[in-house]
Amino acid sequence: MKLFHSHFSPFARKVMACAHVLGLVDRIELLPSAAHPVKRDGTILAHHPMAQVPTLLDDEGHALADSRVICEYLDARAGGGLFPPAGPARWTTLNEQSIADGILDAALLIRYELTARDASERSGAWMDGQEAKIRSALAALDDQAGGFADRVDIGTISIACALGYLDLRFTELGWKQKYPDLAAWFTSFGAHPAMEATKPPAA
């Protein structure tokens, strides 16, 4: 398998963390990418119409995009383990993944506003709205953090990757001081070998 990848992409990190947990990491070749919200990467586009990171090429060369799709594909290929079977636990973990991805979507929209637009085109109200989504999601996860202990699944991996991205790009949020239960869990979970192995370089 081959993965269009960026060390700074939290969604690519989620895929690779899952691959580490599932024992598939040695079967994935990392391909460089230049994905951008405005200037699309033609190399990725040749394989998938969304031209996004992460995009996985399977052993037959078929392309899968979106971390949610790729992580579930890897889980199925490894025989399962990160996605609970049908029932309440599955909906809980999928909802946790959705909240974590929502944090990242909002954070990346702020990031793109600051890096891909000229200063005269930026909207403070837009960025404030995205930050409000991040804060409400963090508050909800802080309330739920007691249920994350001793779990390594798509929910907890997604949450940890989202929080790691906030530490990388949004230190000014000071989220660890505001959400102490979530911060304590993140400190513990961050020591997992899969998280250590996929930690991005310093920005």
Foldseek 3Di string as FASTA:
>chain_A
DEWADDLLDLLLLLLQLLCVVLVNNVVYHYDYFDDDPPDATVVQCVQPVVSDPTWDQDPVGHIDDDSVVSSVVSQVVSPHDQADPDDDVNVVLVVLLVLLVLLVVLVVVLVCLVPVDDPVPHDPVSNVVSVVSNVVSLVVCLVVLVVCPPDDHNNVSSNLSSVLSCVQPPVVVVSCVVRVSNVVSSVVVCPPPSNVVSRGDHD
